[in-house]
Amino acid sequence: MAEPDAVPGLAPPLRVEPVTTATWRAYRDVRLAALLDSPRAFWTTWAEAAERSDEDWQALVADGPSVWLAWDGERPVGTVGLWHDEDQPDDEAYVVGMWVVSDARGSGAADALVEAALAGAVADGRRRVTLDVARENSRALRFYLRHGFALTGETGTMPWDPTCDEVRMARRVR
């Protein structure tokens, strides 16, 4: 039987789910695609990530930050993570690793991923989330502004690319 919101001939509605040990391969594939597509958006390079073993990817999923995948039917189309660094206040977390495959941009996948990360922050007891975005990425800046993030005035550069200026954005989640 078809899902109530399903339209015959079209993929099931978009869904966002946490990455688990059962979906680590899908996460690995999406993450590697993201690093190839948008290398200046991430603190890890494709070469570094591609060197990881299957065991490393599984451990990352099991022990690392909270990570979600957006699915369009059976195809993973995006990812986002939520990370708390030991240098951060206890009530704060970073939104990290946000990316959506190009043919799914504008589909609502990015909106759903950010909402999942924000809900995850609330569930973890966080009051504020922050993120860093390349100053040159005006589309991402506009996207985060629409989701209630504001520029903090803090700036920095990518650790592996000092020519990539970043700006910090933040928002309260409760």
Protein backbone atom coordinates (compact mmCIF):
# COMPACT_ATOMS: atom_id res chain seq x y z
CA MET A 1 0.00 0.00 0.00
CA ALA A 2 1.28 3.48 -0.86
CA GLU A 3 2.15 5.99 1.83
CA PRO A 4 -0.72 8.48 2.42
CA ASP A 5 1.28 11.42 1.04
CA ALA A 6 2.82 9.48 -1.84
CA VAL A 7 2.01 10.48 -5.40
CA PRO A 8 1.93 7.57 -7.87
CA GLY A 9 5.05 7.58 -10.05
CA LEU A 10 7.01 9.90 -7.74
CA ALA A 11 9.51 9.08 -5.01
CA PRO A 12 8.25 8.89 -1.44
CA PRO A 13 8.46 12.11 0.57
CA LEU A 14 11.87 13.31 1.64
CA ARG A 15 12.95 12.04 5.05
CA VAL A 16 15.81 12.78 7.43
CA GLU A 17 17.22 10.04 9.64
CA PRO A 18 20.17 9.74 12.00
CA VAL A 19 23.18 7.93 10.57
CA THR A 20 23.56 4.52 12.19
CA THR A 21 25.98 1.64 11.90
CA ALA A 22 23.57 0.25 9.29
CA THR A 23 23.85 3.38 7.10
CA TRP A 24 27.53 4.27 7.52
CA ARG A 25 28.32 3.44 3.88
CA ALA A 26 25.67 5.87 2.65
CA TYR A 27 27.11 8.53 4.95
CA ARG A 28 30.65 7.84 3.73
CA ASP A 29 29.54 8.14 0.10
CA VAL A 30 27.65 11.40 0.71
CA ARG A 31 30.51 12.85 2.72
CA LEU A 32 33.07 12.03 0.02
CA ALA A 33 30.78 13.51 -2.64
CA ALA A 34 30.43 16.67 -0.54
CA LEU A 35 34.18 17.03 -0.17
CA LEU A 36 34.65 16.71 -3.93
CA ASP A 37 31.79 19.07 -4.78
CA SER A 38 32.47 21.80 -2.22
CA PRO A 39 36.03 21.49 -0.90
CA ARG A 40 36.13 25.02 0.54
CA ALA A 41 33.10 24.32 2.71
CA PHE A 42 34.67 21.74 5.01
CA TRP A 43 37.55 21.47 7.45
CA THR A 44 38.46 18.02 6.14
CA THR A 45 39.82 17.40 2.67
CA TRP A 46 38.64 14.68 0.31
CA ALA A 47 42.13 13.12 0.41
CA GLU A 48 42.03 12.87 4.21
CA ALA A 49 38.54 11.37 4.23
CA ALA A 50 39.25 8.97 1.36
CA GLU A 51 42.16 7.48 3.32
CA ARG A 52 39.86 6.37 6.15
CA SER A 53 39.27 2.65 6.43
CA ASP A 54 35.82 1.11 6.69
CA GLU A 55 36.53 0.63 10.40
CA ASP A 56 37.34 4.35 10.75
CA TRP A 57 34.03 5.31 9.12
CA GLN A 58 32.11 2.90 11.35
CA ALA A 59 33.83 4.27 14.46
CA LEU A 60 33.08 7.83 13.36
CA VAL A 61 29.39 6.99 13.10
CA ALA A 62 29.37 5.11 16.40
CA ASP A 63 31.47 7.56 18.45
CA GLY A 64 31.48 10.85 16.58
CA PRO A 65 29.08 13.76 16.32
CA SER A 66 25.37 13.33 15.77
CA VAL A 67 24.93 13.05 12.01
CA TRP A 68 21.82 12.90 9.84
CA LEU A 69 21.20 11.94 6.23
CA ALA A 70 18.42 13.29 4.02
CA TRP A 71 16.90 10.60 1.82
CA ASP A 72 14.89 11.01 -1.37
CA GLY A 73 13.39 7.57 -1.62
CA GLU A 74 16.32 5.18 -1.30
CA ARG A 75 18.92 7.76 -2.36
CA PRO A 76 20.84 9.76 0.25
CA VAL A 77 20.87 13.39 -0.90
CA GLY A 78 22.43 15.34 1.95
CA THR A 79 23.97 15.37 5.38
CA VAL A 80 24.48 17.53 8.45
CA GLY A 81 26.18 17.02 11.79
CA LEU A 82 26.03 18.47 15.27
CA TRP A 83 29.27 18.67 17.23
CA HIS A 84 30.13 19.83 20.73
CA ASP A 85 33.77 20.82 21.11
CA GLU A 86 35.35 20.67 24.56
CA ASP A 87 36.29 24.36 24.12
CA GLN A 88 32.63 25.36 23.77
CA PRO A 89 30.27 26.27 26.59
CA ASP A 90 28.21 23.26 27.70
CA ASP A 91 25.00 24.75 26.30
CA GLU A 92 26.39 25.29 22.79
CA ALA A 93 27.07 23.06 19.76
CA TYR A 94 28.33 23.49 16.20
CA VAL A 95 26.33 22.66 13.09
CA VAL A 96 28.91 20.97 10.85
CA GLY A 97 29.21 19.15 7.55
CA MET A 98 26.05 20.58 5.96
CA TRP A 99 25.71 19.61 2.30
CA VAL A 100 23.04 18.65 -0.23
CA VAL A 101 23.67 17.06 -3.64
CA SER A 102 23.21 19.64 -6.41
CA ASP A 103 20.09 18.10 -7.98
CA ALA A 104 18.33 18.10 -4.58
CA ARG A 105 19.07 21.74 -3.77
CA GLY A 106 15.81 23.62 -3.51
CA SER A 107 13.91 20.41 -2.67
CA GLY A 108 13.58 21.12 1.04
CA ALA A 109 16.36 18.68 1.95
CA ALA A 110 18.59 21.43 3.38
CA ASP A 111 15.69 22.85 5.42
CA ALA A 112 14.90 19.40 6.82
CA LEU A 113 18.55 18.75 7.67
CA VAL A 114 18.95 22.03 9.56
CA GLU A 115 15.72 21.40 11.44
CA ALA A 116 17.01 17.94 12.43
CA ALA A 117 20.26 19.45 13.71
CA LEU A 118 18.41 22.14 15.67
CA ALA A 119 16.08 19.54 17.19
CA GLY A 120 19.14 17.45 18.06
CA ALA A 121 20.69 20.44 19.82
CA VAL A 122 17.55 20.94 21.89
CA ALA A 123 17.42 17.22 22.73
CA ASP A 124 21.08 17.43 23.85
CA GLY A 125 20.25 20.34 26.18
CA ARG A 126 21.95 23.01 24.08
CA ARG A 127 20.66 26.58 24.05
CA ARG A 128 22.74 27.95 21.19
CA VAL A 129 24.15 26.59 17.95
CA THR A 130 26.93 28.09 15.89
CA LEU A 131 28.41 27.41 12.49
CA ASP A 132 31.15 28.71 10.26
CA VAL A 133 30.53 29.44 6.60
CA ALA A 134 32.80 30.66 3.82
CA ARG A 135 32.26 34.38 3.33
CA GLU A 136 32.15 33.77 -0.45
CA ASN A 137 29.21 31.35 -0.13
CA SER A 138 26.36 33.87 -0.39
CA ARG A 139 23.76 31.16 -1.01
CA ALA A 140 24.64 29.44 2.28
CA LEU A 141 24.72 32.76 4.14
CA ARG A 142 21.20 33.62 2.90
CA PHE A 143 20.00 30.11 3.77
CA TYR A 144 21.23 30.32 7.36
CA LEU A 145 19.81 33.83 7.79
CA ARG A 146 16.40 32.46 6.71
CA HIS A 147 16.76 29.84 9.44
CA GLY A 148 17.28 32.42 12.17
CA PHE A 149 21.07 32.47 12.31
CA ALA A 150 22.82 35.83 12.67
CA LEU A 151 26.38 36.91 12.03
CA THR A 152 28.35 37.10 15.29
CA GLY A 153 31.18 39.30 13.99
CA GLU A 154 33.72 36.51 14.53
CA THR A 155 35.83 35.53 11.53
CA GLY A 156 38.52 33.01 10.72
CA THR A 157 40.08 30.99 7.94
CA MET A 158 40.16 27.34 6.98
CA PRO A 159 43.04 25.58 8.72
CA TRP A 160 44.25 24.06 5.43
CA ASP A 161 43.39 27.06 3.21
CA PRO A 162 44.21 30.50 4.65
CA THR A 163 42.67 32.15 1.57
CA CYS A 164 39.19 30.93 2.54
CA ASP A 165 37.66 33.50 4.90
CA GLU A 166 34.90 32.25 7.16
CA VAL A 167 32.28 34.03 9.20
CA ARG A 168 30.62 32.69 12.32
CA MET A 169 26.85 32.58 12.63
CA ALA A 170 24.76 31.62 15.66
CA ARG A 171 21.19 31.25 16.86
CA ARG A 172 19.40 30.33 20.03
CA VAL A 173 17.40 27.12 19.98
CA ARG A 174 15.54 27.53 23.26
